[in-house]
């Protein structure tokens, strides 16, 4: 990677951009501009080498192939295919490829550090204090490929590098779009009732049309699905997990209460009760960690 690429300014820092990032980040979706698509790190020769490294690393990648729709589930890695084979035929294989946790490679770690410094200024917060475990995923998708409807537990920046796509984002605070029970299941790690795509609510979605040099930021648990354009797409996903998420902890407690036959108050109705639930969840989690540590052989 060139010195120029390392010292680049990847995000505009004008007054309008700062106002948008400061007021909207992790609160509501918003579009933005960037110059990440000009970095040497995301050229095809470099990505091909990165894919070879990812294929040799446990958990370094994910891919799936076949027709999809917004309301369908993830398909899983198909048998008999290699990551490099799928990438070689990405133009016609109707596939999605994820190169996962690329910040664990030295050159991408330096890139992420630069981006976090710029985002700190834009958002006027210290991302390292308020958020943890920043993760970068490179997404490579076939023309016309649909990424199914889902939610994430992290605040996200999606940056378009090559090709185009349309991102459909729904309001995660709208109980008609996303029910309390769905959120309880999600935060409790129960996949038996994942968020359901409701086609009749599609008109409620924001639509963001991305091309190289543009991106969109999506808050925690705002449902979304993605429709790729007519050419191969390369994009970068940057995820940030909240250090403390009172609502998420309250949903976890509510899930346990509901299993016990109690109908709990929804998060947001009583900040005091949410705080008690969150504190209780974290106390129980800390106790479990201590018990596990004590029970481990010396």
C-alpha atoms as a PDB file:
ATOM      1  CA  UNK A   1       0.000   0.000   0.000  1.00  0.00           C
ATOM      2  CA  UNK A   2       1.279   3.452  -0.827  1.00  0.00           C
ATOM      3  CA  UNK A   3       2.094   6.143   1.714  1.00  0.00           C
ATOM      4  CA  UNK A   4      -0.475   8.366   0.012  1.00  0.00           C
ATOM      5  CA  UNK A   5      -3.189   5.775   0.629  1.00  0.00           C
ATOM      6  CA  UNK A   6      -2.272   5.625   4.311  1.00  0.00           C
ATOM      7  CA  UNK A   7      -2.470   9.381   4.774  1.00  0.00           C
ATOM      8  CA  UNK A   8      -5.645   9.962   2.779  1.00  0.00           C
ATOM      9  CA  UNK A   9      -8.697  11.677   4.175  1.00  0.00           C
ATOM     10  CA  UNK A  10     -11.472   9.163   3.552  1.00  0.00           C
ATOM     11  CA  UNK A  11     -14.488  11.143   4.766  1.00  0.00           C
ATOM     12  CA  UNK A  12     -15.456  14.782   4.106  1.00  0.00           C
ATOM     13  CA  UNK A  13     -15.312  16.899   7.244  1.00  0.00           C
ATOM     14  CA  UNK A  14     -17.346  19.925   6.147  1.00  0.00           C
ATOM     15  CA  UNK A  15     -19.894  21.514   8.484  1.00  0.00           C
ATOM     16  CA  UNK A  16     -22.884  19.808   6.854  1.00  0.00           C
ATOM     17  CA  UNK A  17     -21.303  16.366   7.123  1.00  0.00           C
ATOM     18  CA  UNK A  18     -20.364  16.904  10.768  1.00  0.00           C
ATOM     19  CA  UNK A  19     -23.905  17.992  11.610  1.00  0.00           C
ATOM     20  CA  UNK A  20     -25.341  14.902   9.920  1.00  0.00           C
ATOM     21  CA  UNK A  21     -22.983  12.433  11.595  1.00  0.00           C
ATOM     22  CA  UNK A  22     -23.386  14.062  15.012  1.00  0.00           C
ATOM     23  CA  UNK A  23     -27.181  14.091  14.974  1.00  0.00           C
ATOM     24  CA  UNK A  24     -27.919  10.864  13.091  1.00  0.00           C
ATOM     25  CA  UNK A  25     -25.209   8.297  13.828  1.00  0.00           C
ATOM     26  CA  UNK A  26     -26.775   5.214  15.473  1.00  0.00           C
ATOM     27  CA  UNK A  27     -30.107   7.046  15.625  1.00  0.00           C
ATOM     28  CA  UNK A  28     -31.405   7.005  12.062  1.00  0.00           C
ATOM     29  CA  UNK A  29     -30.070   5.998   8.618  1.00  0.00           C
ATOM     30  CA  UNK A  30     -28.255   8.617   6.546  1.00  0.00           C
ATOM     31  CA  UNK A  31     -26.169   8.721   3.342  1.00  0.00           C
ATOM     32  CA  UNK A  32     -22.634  10.064   3.134  1.00  0.00           C
ATOM     33  CA  UNK A  33     -19.677  10.462   0.770  1.00  0.00           C
ATOM     34  CA  UNK A  34     -16.217   8.892   1.042  1.00  0.00           C
ATOM     35  CA  UNK A  35     -13.057   8.273  -0.992  1.00  0.00           C
ATOM     36  CA  UNK A  36     -12.337   4.721   0.201  1.00  0.00           C
ATOM     37  CA  UNK A  37     -12.995   3.421  -3.310  1.00  0.00           C
ATOM     38  CA  UNK A  38      -9.761   5.157  -4.376  1.00  0.00           C
ATOM     39  CA  UNK A  39      -7.612   3.169  -1.937  1.00  0.00           C
ATOM     40  CA  UNK A  40      -5.214   0.534  -3.264  1.00  0.00           C
ATOM     41  CA  UNK A  41      -6.554  -1.862  -0.614  1.00  0.00           C
ATOM     42  CA  UNK A  42      -9.729  -2.515  -2.584  1.00  0.00           C
ATOM     43  CA  UNK A  43      -8.390  -3.115  -6.090  1.00  0.00           C
ATOM     44  CA  UNK A  44      -9.080  -6.531  -7.631  1.00  0.00           C
ATOM     45  CA  UNK A  45      -5.439  -7.766  -7.514  1.00  0.00           C
ATOM     46  CA  UNK A  46      -5.235  -6.969  -3.791  1.00  0.00           C
ATOM     47  CA  UNK A  47      -8.677  -8.440  -3.073  1.00  0.00           C
ATOM     48  CA  UNK A  48      -7.736 -11.664  -4.877  1.00  0.00           C
ATOM     49  CA  UNK A  49      -4.660 -12.041  -2.693  1.00  0.00           C
ATOM     50  CA  UNK A  50      -6.705 -11.207   0.382  1.00  0.00           C
ATOM     51  CA  UNK A  51      -9.254 -13.890  -0.532  1.00  0.00           C
ATOM     52  CA  UNK A  52      -6.475 -16.490  -0.741  1.00  0.00           C
ATOM     53  CA  UNK A  53      -5.325 -15.480   2.741  1.00  0.00           C
ATOM     54  CA  UNK A  54      -8.906 -15.545   4.041  1.00  0.00           C
ATOM     55  CA  UNK A  55      -9.530 -19.039   2.624  1.00  0.00           C
ATOM     56  CA  UNK A  56      -6.589 -20.373   4.612  1.00  0.00           C
ATOM     57  CA  UNK A  57      -7.849 -18.779   7.839  1.00  0.00           C
ATOM     58  CA  UNK A  58     -10.479 -20.318  10.110  1.00  0.00           C
ATOM     59  CA  UNK A  59     -13.595 -18.134  10.022  1.00  0.00           C
ATOM     60  CA  UNK A  60     -12.019 -15.829   7.491  1.00  0.00           C
ATOM     61  CA  UNK A  61     -14.819 -15.901   4.954  1.00  0.00           C
ATOM     62  CA  UNK A  62     -18.406 -16.799   4.095  1.00  0.00           C
ATOM     63  CA  UNK A  63     -20.126 -17.274   0.765  1.00  0.00           C
ATOM     64  CA  UNK A  64     -23.412 -18.546  -0.607  1.00  0.00           C
ATOM     65  CA  UNK A  65     -24.926 -18.980  -4.060  1.00  0.00           C
ATOM     66  CA  UNK A  66     -28.366 -19.282  -5.634  1.00  0.00           C
ATOM     67  CA  UNK A  67     -31.499 -17.205  -6.077  1.00  0.00           C
ATOM     68  CA  UNK A  68     -32.636 -15.211  -3.052  1.00  0.00           C
ATOM     69  CA  UNK A  69     -35.447 -12.855  -2.053  1.00  0.00           C
ATOM     70  CA  UNK A  70     -35.866 -10.342   0.791  1.00  0.00           C
ATOM     71  CA  UNK A  71     -37.931 -12.723   2.929  1.00  0.00           C
ATOM     72  CA  UNK A  72     -35.700 -15.787   2.544  1.00  0.00           C
ATOM     73  CA  UNK A  73     -33.098 -17.050   5.000  1.00  0.00           C
ATOM     74  CA  UNK A  74     -29.329 -17.241   4.636  1.00  0.00           C
ATOM     75  CA  UNK A  75     -28.409 -20.356   2.676  1.00  0.00           C
ATOM     76  CA  UNK A  76     -25.055 -21.295   4.171  1.00  0.00           C
ATOM     77  CA  UNK A  77     -21.826 -22.226   2.403  1.00  0.00           C
ATOM     78  CA  UNK A  78     -22.572 -24.715  -0.427  1.00  0.00           C
ATOM     79  CA  UNK A  79     -20.677 -28.004  -0.550  1.00  0.00           C
ATOM     80  CA  UNK A  80     -18.039 -28.631  -3.183  1.00  0.00           C
ATOM     81  CA  UNK A  81     -17.133 -25.017  -3.857  1.00  0.00           C
ATOM     82  CA  UNK A  82     -14.085 -23.037  -2.845  1.00  0.00           C
ATOM     83  CA  UNK A  83     -13.933 -19.342  -2.106  1.00  0.00           C
ATOM     84  CA  UNK A  84     -11.522 -18.672  -4.971  1.00  0.00           C
ATOM     85  CA  UNK A  85     -13.717 -20.594  -7.430  1.00  0.00           C
ATOM     86  CA  UNK A  86     -16.758 -18.540  -6.457  1.00  0.00           C
ATOM     87  CA  UNK A  87     -14.828 -15.286  -6.773  1.00  0.00           C
ATOM     88  CA  UNK A  88     -13.494 -16.277 -10.196  1.00  0.00           C
ATOM     89  CA  UNK A  89     -17.065 -16.683 -11.452  1.00  0.00           C
ATOM     90  CA  UNK A  90     -18.690 -13.948  -9.354  1.00  0.00           C
ATOM     91  CA  UNK A  91     -20.018 -12.223 -12.472  1.00  0.00           C
ATOM     92  CA  UNK A  92     -22.405 -15.067 -13.295  1.00  0.00           C
ATOM     93  CA  UNK A  93     -22.677 -17.255 -10.165  1.00  0.00           C
ATOM     94  CA  UNK A  94     -25.379 -15.254  -8.312  1.00  0.00           C
ATOM     95  CA  UNK A  95     -23.241 -15.328  -5.184  1.00  0.00           C
ATOM     96  CA  UNK A  96     -22.439 -13.316  -2.092  1.00  0.00           C
ATOM     97  CA  UNK A  97     -18.890 -13.402  -0.712  1.00  0.00           C
ATOM     98  CA  UNK A  98     -17.819 -12.011   2.650  1.00  0.00           C
ATOM     99  CA  UNK A  99     -14.160 -11.553   3.552  1.00  0.00           C
ATOM    100  CA  UNK A 100     -14.560 -11.375   7.311  1.00  0.00           C
ATOM    101  CA  UNK A 101     -12.701  -9.491  10.048  1.00  0.00           C
ATOM    102  CA  UNK A 102     -10.227  -8.030   7.586  1.00  0.00           C
ATOM    103  CA  UNK A 103      -9.077  -5.563  10.262  1.00  0.00           C
ATOM    104  CA  UNK A 104      -7.037  -8.486  11.627  1.00  0.00           C
ATOM    105  CA  UNK A 105      -4.664  -8.115   8.669  1.00  0.00           C
ATOM    106  CA  UNK A 106      -1.969  -5.515   9.325  1.00  0.00           C
ATOM    107  CA  UNK A 107      -2.645  -3.235   6.387  1.00  0.00           C
ATOM    108  CA  UNK A 108      -6.397  -3.128   7.034  1.00  0.00           C
ATOM    109  CA  UNK A 109      -5.819  -2.539  10.755  1.00  0.00           C
ATOM    110  CA  UNK A 110      -3.923   0.636   9.853  1.00  0.00           C
ATOM    111  CA  UNK A 111      -6.711   1.628   7.465  1.00  0.00           C
ATOM    112  CA  UNK A 112      -9.372   1.121  10.158  1.00  0.00           C
ATOM    113  CA  UNK A 113      -7.364   3.162  12.660  1.00  0.00           C
ATOM    114  CA  UNK A 114      -7.309   6.065  10.188  1.00  0.00           C
ATOM    115  CA  UNK A 115     -11.050   5.763   9.542  1.00  0.00           C
ATOM    116  CA  UNK A 116     -11.892   5.664  13.257  1.00  0.00           C
ATOM    117  CA  UNK A 117      -9.880   8.841  13.797  1.00  0.00           C
ATOM    118  CA  UNK A 118     -11.883  10.617  11.100  1.00  0.00           C
ATOM    119  CA  UNK A 119     -15.224   9.220  12.286  1.00  0.00           C
ATOM    120  CA  UNK A 120     -14.461  10.364  15.844  1.00  0.00           C
ATOM    121  CA  UNK A 121     -14.258  13.928  14.567  1.00  0.00           C
ATOM    122  CA  UNK A 122     -17.353  13.616  12.406  1.00  0.00           C
ATOM    123  CA  UNK A 123     -19.512  12.058  15.133  1.00  0.00           C
ATOM    124  CA  UNK A 124     -17.946  14.077  17.978  1.00  0.00           C
ATOM    125  CA  UNK A 125     -17.598  10.931  20.075  1.00  0.00           C
ATOM    126  CA  UNK A 126     -14.770   8.583  20.984  1.00  0.00           C
ATOM    127  CA  UNK A 127     -15.789   5.400  19.189  1.00  0.00           C
ATOM    128  CA  UNK A 128     -13.273   3.361  21.186  1.00  0.00           C
ATOM    129  CA  UNK A 129     -14.944   4.405  24.457  1.00  0.00           C
ATOM    130  CA  UNK A 130     -18.582   4.150  23.368  1.00  0.00           C
ATOM    131  CA  UNK A 131     -18.237   1.177  21.009  1.00  0.00           C
ATOM    132  CA  UNK A 132     -16.121  -1.974  21.031  1.00  0.00           C
ATOM    133  CA  UNK A 133     -14.807  -4.675  18.726  1.00  0.00           C
ATOM    134  CA  UNK A 134     -14.867  -2.712  15.447  1.00  0.00           C
ATOM    135  CA  UNK A 135     -15.220  -5.203  12.608  1.00  0.00           C
ATOM    136  CA  UNK A 136     -14.667  -4.753   8.870  1.00  0.00           C
ATOM    137  CA  UNK A 137     -16.147  -7.059   6.251  1.00  0.00           C
ATOM    138  CA  UNK A 138     -15.575  -6.806   2.512  1.00  0.00           C
ATOM    139  CA  UNK A 139     -18.684  -7.793   0.559  1.00  0.00           C
ATOM    140  CA  UNK A 140     -18.424  -8.964  -3.049  1.00  0.00           C
ATOM    141  CA  UNK A 141     -21.735  -9.740  -4.766  1.00  0.00           C
ATOM    142  CA  UNK A 142     -22.933 -10.909  -8.157  1.00  0.00           C
ATOM    143  CA  UNK A 143     -25.108  -8.732 -10.425  1.00  0.00           C
ATOM    144  CA  UNK A 144     -28.713  -8.675  -9.260  1.00  0.00           C
ATOM    145  CA  UNK A 145     -27.955 -10.556  -6.056  1.00  0.00           C
ATOM    146  CA  UNK A 146     -30.349  -9.935  -3.135  1.00  0.00           C
ATOM    147  CA  UNK A 147     -29.146  -9.979   0.473  1.00  0.00           C
ATOM    148  CA  UNK A 148     -32.111 -11.137   2.600  1.00  0.00           C
ATOM    149  CA  UNK A 149     -33.894  -9.014   5.188  1.00  0.00           C
ATOM    150  CA  UNK A 150     -32.114  -9.076   8.559  1.00  0.00           C
ATOM    151  CA  UNK A 151     -31.012  -6.987  11.525  1.00  0.00           C
ATOM    152  CA  UNK A 152     -27.565  -6.482  13.076  1.00  0.00           C
ATOM    153  CA  UNK A 153     -26.502  -5.855  16.643  1.00  0.00           C
ATOM    154  CA  UNK A 154     -23.967  -3.203  15.622  1.00  0.00           C
ATOM    155  CA  UNK A 155     -24.058   0.314  14.239  1.00  0.00           C
ATOM    156  CA  UNK A 156     -22.930   0.089  10.632  1.00  0.00           C
ATOM    157  CA  UNK A 157     -21.248   2.107   7.907  1.00  0.00           C
ATOM    158  CA  UNK A 158     -21.649   0.571   4.443  1.00  0.00           C
ATOM    159  CA  UNK A 159     -19.266   2.049   1.865  1.00  0.00           C
ATOM    160  CA  UNK A 160     -19.699   1.338  -1.840  1.00  0.00           C
ATOM    161  CA  UNK A 161     -16.429   0.736  -3.695  1.00  0.00           C
ATOM    162  CA  UNK A 162     -17.349  -0.824  -7.041  1.00  0.00           C
ATOM    163  CA  UNK A 163     -20.675  -1.320  -8.800  1.00  0.00           C
ATOM    164  CA  UNK A 164     -23.988  -0.215  -7.344  1.00  0.00           C
ATOM    165  CA  UNK A 165     -26.700  -1.427  -5.005  1.00  0.00           C
ATOM    166  CA  UNK A 166     -29.932  -0.295  -3.380  1.00  0.00           C
ATOM    167  CA  UNK A 167     -30.219  -0.625   0.386  1.00  0.00           C
ATOM    168  CA  UNK A 168     -33.748  -0.813   1.835  1.00  0.00           C
ATOM    169  CA  UNK A 169     -33.755   0.186   5.519  1.00  0.00           C
ATOM    170  CA  UNK A 170     -36.741   0.064   7.875  1.00  0.00           C
ATOM    171  CA  UNK A 171     -37.308   1.927  11.125  1.00  0.00           C
ATOM    172  CA  UNK A 172     -36.243  -0.420  13.915  1.00  0.00           C
ATOM    173  CA  UNK A 173     -38.168   1.699  16.434  1.00  0.00           C
ATOM    174  CA  UNK A 174     -41.468   0.990  14.642  1.00  0.00           C
ATOM    175  CA  UNK A 175     -43.211  -1.882  16.469  1.00  0.00           C
ATOM    176  CA  UNK A 176     -45.191  -2.680  13.322  1.00  0.00           C
ATOM    177  CA  UNK A 177     -41.919  -3.318  11.491  1.00  0.00           C
ATOM    178  CA  UNK A 178     -40.061  -5.062  14.325  1.00  0.00           C
ATOM    179  CA  UNK A 179     -41.939  -6.573  17.278  1.00  0.00           C
ATOM    180  CA  UNK A 180     -40.768  -6.759  20.883  1.00  0.00           C
ATOM    181  CA  UNK A 181     -40.749 -10.553  20.751  1.00  0.00           C
ATOM    182  CA  UNK A 182     -38.535 -10.518  17.649  1.00  0.00           C
ATOM    183  CA  UNK A 183     -36.085  -8.215  19.431  1.00  0.00           C
ATOM    184  CA  UNK A 184     -36.171 -10.361  22.567  1.00  0.00           C
ATOM    185  CA  UNK A 185     -35.338 -13.453  20.507  1.00  0.00           C
ATOM    186  CA  UNK A 186     -32.592 -11.651  18.610  1.00  0.00           C
ATOM    187  CA  UNK A 187     -30.803 -10.254  21.663  1.00  0.00           C
ATOM    188  CA  UNK A 188     -31.117 -13.592  23.466  1.00  0.00           C
ATOM    189  CA  UNK A 189     -29.447 -15.441  20.597  1.00  0.00           C
ATOM    190  CA  UNK A 190     -32.589 -17.411  19.752  1.00  0.00           C
ATOM    191  CA  UNK A 191     -32.821 -17.869  15.982  1.00  0.00           C
ATOM    192  CA  UNK A 192     -36.095 -19.813  16.067  1.00  0.00           C
ATOM    193  CA  UNK A 193     -38.020 -16.604  15.450  1.00  0.00           C
ATOM    194  CA  UNK A 194     -35.809 -14.244  13.477  1.00  0.00           C
ATOM    195  CA  UNK A 195     -37.236 -10.916  12.280  1.00  0.00           C
ATOM    196  CA  UNK A 196     -39.799 -11.480   9.539  1.00  0.00           C
ATOM    197  CA  UNK A 197     -39.949  -9.510   6.309  1.00  0.00           C
ATOM    198  CA  UNK A 198     -43.428  -8.051   5.902  1.00  0.00           C
ATOM    199  CA  UNK A 199     -43.860  -7.225   2.237  1.00  0.00           C
ATOM    200  CA  UNK A 200     -46.890  -5.014   2.870  1.00  0.00           C
ATOM    201  CA  UNK A 201     -44.624  -2.668   4.872  1.00  0.00           C
ATOM    202  CA  UNK A 202     -42.086  -2.232   2.071  1.00  0.00           C
ATOM    203  CA  UNK A 203     -43.426   1.266   1.422  1.00  0.00           C
ATOM    204  CA  UNK A 204     -42.150   2.304   4.855  1.00  0.00           C
ATOM    205  CA  UNK A 205     -38.524   1.620   3.934  1.00  0.00           C
ATOM    206  CA  UNK A 206     -35.923   4.252   3.149  1.00  0.00           C
ATOM    207  CA  UNK A 207     -34.134   3.517  -0.123  1.00  0.00           C
ATOM    208  CA  UNK A 208     -30.481   4.418  -0.524  1.00  0.00           C
ATOM    209  CA  UNK A 209     -28.949   4.024  -3.998  1.00  0.00           C
ATOM    210  CA  UNK A 210     -25.209   3.518  -3.601  1.00  0.00           C
ATOM    211  CA  UNK A 211     -22.458   3.983  -6.177  1.00  0.00           C
ATOM    212  CA  UNK A 212     -18.658   4.184  -5.724  1.00  0.00           C
ATOM    213  CA  UNK A 213     -17.806   6.974  -3.284  1.00  0.00           C
ATOM    214  CA  UNK A 214     -21.156   6.887  -1.474  1.00  0.00           C
ATOM    215  CA  UNK A 215     -22.340   5.028   1.607  1.00  0.00           C
ATOM    216  CA  UNK A 216     -25.090   4.710   4.177  1.00  0.00           C
ATOM    217  CA  UNK A 217     -25.021   4.462   7.960  1.00  0.00           C
ATOM    218  CA  UNK A 218     -27.504   2.150   9.663  1.00  0.00           C
ATOM    219  CA  UNK A 219     -28.327   2.128  13.409  1.00  0.00           C
ATOM    220  CA  UNK A 220     -28.380  -0.965  15.599  1.00  0.00           C
ATOM    221  CA  UNK A 221     -31.298  -3.348  14.807  1.00  0.00           C
ATOM    222  CA  UNK A 222     -32.773  -1.336  11.945  1.00  0.00           C
ATOM    223  CA  UNK A 223     -33.986  -4.074   9.535  1.00  0.00           C
ATOM    224  CA  UNK A 224     -32.659  -3.960   5.991  1.00  0.00           C
ATOM    225  CA  UNK A 225     -32.235  -5.900   2.764  1.00  0.00           C
ATOM    226  CA  UNK A 226     -30.001  -5.163  -0.212  1.00  0.00           C
ATOM    227  CA  UNK A 227     -30.478  -5.419  -3.961  1.00  0.00           C
ATOM    228  CA  UNK A 228     -27.339  -5.415  -6.079  1.00  0.00           C
ATOM    229  CA  UNK A 229     -27.123  -3.532  -9.387  1.00  0.00           C
ATOM    230  CA  UNK A 230     -26.348  -4.834 -12.864  1.00  0.00           C
ATOM    231  CA  UNK A 231     -22.611  -5.365 -12.286  1.00  0.00           C
ATOM    232  CA  UNK A 232     -20.364  -6.976  -9.690  1.00  0.00           C
ATOM    233  CA  UNK A 233     -20.428  -5.025  -6.448  1.00  0.00           C
ATOM    234  CA  UNK A 234     -17.641  -4.497  -3.925  1.00  0.00           C
ATOM    235  CA  UNK A 235     -18.473  -2.746  -0.669  1.00  0.00           C
ATOM    236  CA  UNK A 236     -17.007  -2.379   2.790  1.00  0.00           C
ATOM    237  CA  UNK A 237     -19.021  -2.873   5.967  1.00  0.00           C
ATOM    238  CA  UNK A 238     -17.706  -1.287   9.182  1.00  0.00           C
ATOM    239  CA  UNK A 239     -19.536  -2.404  12.336  1.00  0.00           C
ATOM    240  CA  UNK A 240     -19.341  -0.960  15.852  1.00  0.00           C
ATOM    241  CA  UNK A 241     -20.879  -2.703  18.879  1.00  0.00           C
ATOM    242  CA  UNK A 242     -22.129  -0.548  21.759  1.00  0.00           C
ATOM    243  CA  UNK A 243     -20.136  -0.914  24.980  1.00  0.00           C
ATOM    244  CA  UNK A 244     -23.342  -0.542  27.005  1.00  0.00           C
ATOM    245  CA  UNK A 245     -26.725  -1.222  25.407  1.00  0.00           C
ATOM    246  CA  UNK A 246     -29.418  -0.811  28.036  1.00  0.00           C
ATOM    247  CA  UNK A 247     -32.262  -1.623  25.648  1.00  0.00           C
ATOM    248  CA  UNK A 248     -30.583  -4.833  24.456  1.00  0.00           C
ATOM    249  CA  UNK A 249     -30.047  -5.983  28.054  1.00  0.00           C
ATOM    250  CA  UNK A 250     -33.682  -5.191  28.879  1.00  0.00           C
ATOM    251  CA  UNK A 251     -34.861  -7.251  25.906  1.00  0.00           C
ATOM    252  CA  UNK A 252     -32.750 -10.192  27.145  1.00  0.00           C
ATOM    253  CA  UNK A 253     -34.331  -9.970  30.603  1.00  0.00           C
ATOM    254  CA  UNK A 254     -37.785  -9.625  29.042  1.00  0.00           C
ATOM    255  CA  UNK A 255     -37.203 -12.795  27.045  1.00  0.00           C
ATOM    256  CA  UNK A 256     -36.551 -14.713  30.265  1.00  0.00           C
ATOM    257  CA  UNK A 257     -39.567 -13.122  31.974  1.00  0.00           C
ATOM    258  CA  UNK A 258     -41.824 -13.994  29.069  1.00  0.00           C
ATOM    259  CA  UNK A 259     -40.688 -17.634  29.214  1.00  0.00           C
ATOM    260  CA  UNK A 260     -41.716 -17.574  32.897  1.00  0.00           C
ATOM    261  CA  UNK A 261     -45.212 -16.452  31.940  1.00  0.00           C
ATOM    262  CA  UNK A 262     -44.726 -12.789  32.799  1.00  0.00           C
ATOM    263  CA  UNK A 263     -45.685 -10.056  30.332  1.00  0.00           C
ATOM    264  CA  UNK A 264     -42.872  -7.499  30.768  1.00  0.00           C
ATOM    265  CA  UNK A 265     -42.921  -3.788  30.091  1.00  0.00           C
ATOM    266  CA  UNK A 266     -41.282  -2.957  26.757  1.00  0.00           C
ATOM    267  CA  UNK A 267     -37.912  -1.136  26.777  1.00  0.00           C
ATOM    268  CA  UNK A 268     -38.356   2.608  26.469  1.00  0.00           C
ATOM    269  CA  UNK A 269     -41.535   2.795  28.538  1.00  0.00           C
ATOM    270  CA  UNK A 270     -39.622   3.204  31.805  1.00  0.00           C
ATOM    271  CA  UNK A 271     -35.946   4.246  31.701  1.00  0.00           C
ATOM    272  CA  UNK A 272     -35.653   3.409  35.398  1.00  0.00           C
ATOM    273  CA  UNK A 273     -36.907  -0.141  34.892  1.00  0.00           C
ATOM    274  CA  UNK A 274     -34.692  -0.530  31.808  1.00  0.00           C
ATOM    275  CA  UNK A 275     -31.696   0.458  33.923  1.00  0.00           C
ATOM    276  CA  UNK A 276     -32.610  -2.091  36.606  1.00  0.00           C
ATOM    277  CA  UNK A 277     -32.994  -4.843  34.006  1.00  0.00           C
ATOM    278  CA  UNK A 278     -29.718  -3.923  32.318  1.00  0.00           C
ATOM    279  CA  UNK A 279     -27.853  -3.858  35.632  1.00  0.00           C
ATOM    280  CA  UNK A 280     -29.353  -7.223  36.570  1.00  0.00           C
ATOM    281  CA  UNK A 281     -28.371  -8.794  33.278  1.00  0.00           C
ATOM    282  CA  UNK A 282     -24.794  -7.544  33.499  1.00  0.00           C
ATOM    283  CA  UNK A 283     -24.512  -8.698  37.139  1.00  0.00           C
ATOM    284  CA  UNK A 284     -25.678 -12.206  36.228  1.00  0.00           C
ATOM    285  CA  UNK A 285     -23.320 -12.291  33.248  1.00  0.00           C
ATOM    286  CA  UNK A 286     -20.367 -11.243  35.433  1.00  0.00           C
ATOM    287  CA  UNK A 287     -21.283 -13.892  38.014  1.00  0.00           C
ATOM    288  CA  UNK A 288     -21.375 -16.601  35.334  1.00  0.00           C
ATOM    289  CA  UNK A 289     -17.917 -15.557  34.161  1.00  0.00           C
ATOM    290  CA  UNK A 290     -16.561 -15.774  37.711  1.00  0.00           C
ATOM    291  CA  UNK A 291     -18.089 -19.207  38.257  1.00  0.00           C
ATOM    292  CA  UNK A 292     -16.630 -20.417  34.962  1.00  0.00           C
ATOM    293  CA  UNK A 293     -13.208 -19.083  35.924  1.00  0.00           C
ATOM    294  CA  UNK A 294     -13.302 -20.680  39.365  1.00  0.00           C
ATOM    295  CA  UNK A 295     -14.456 -24.018  37.971  1.00  0.00           C
ATOM    296  CA  UNK A 296     -11.673 -24.129  35.376  1.00  0.00           C
ATOM    297  CA  UNK A 297      -8.732 -26.402  36.262  1.00  0.00           C
ATOM    298  CA  UNK A 298      -5.559 -24.617  37.308  1.00  0.00           C
END
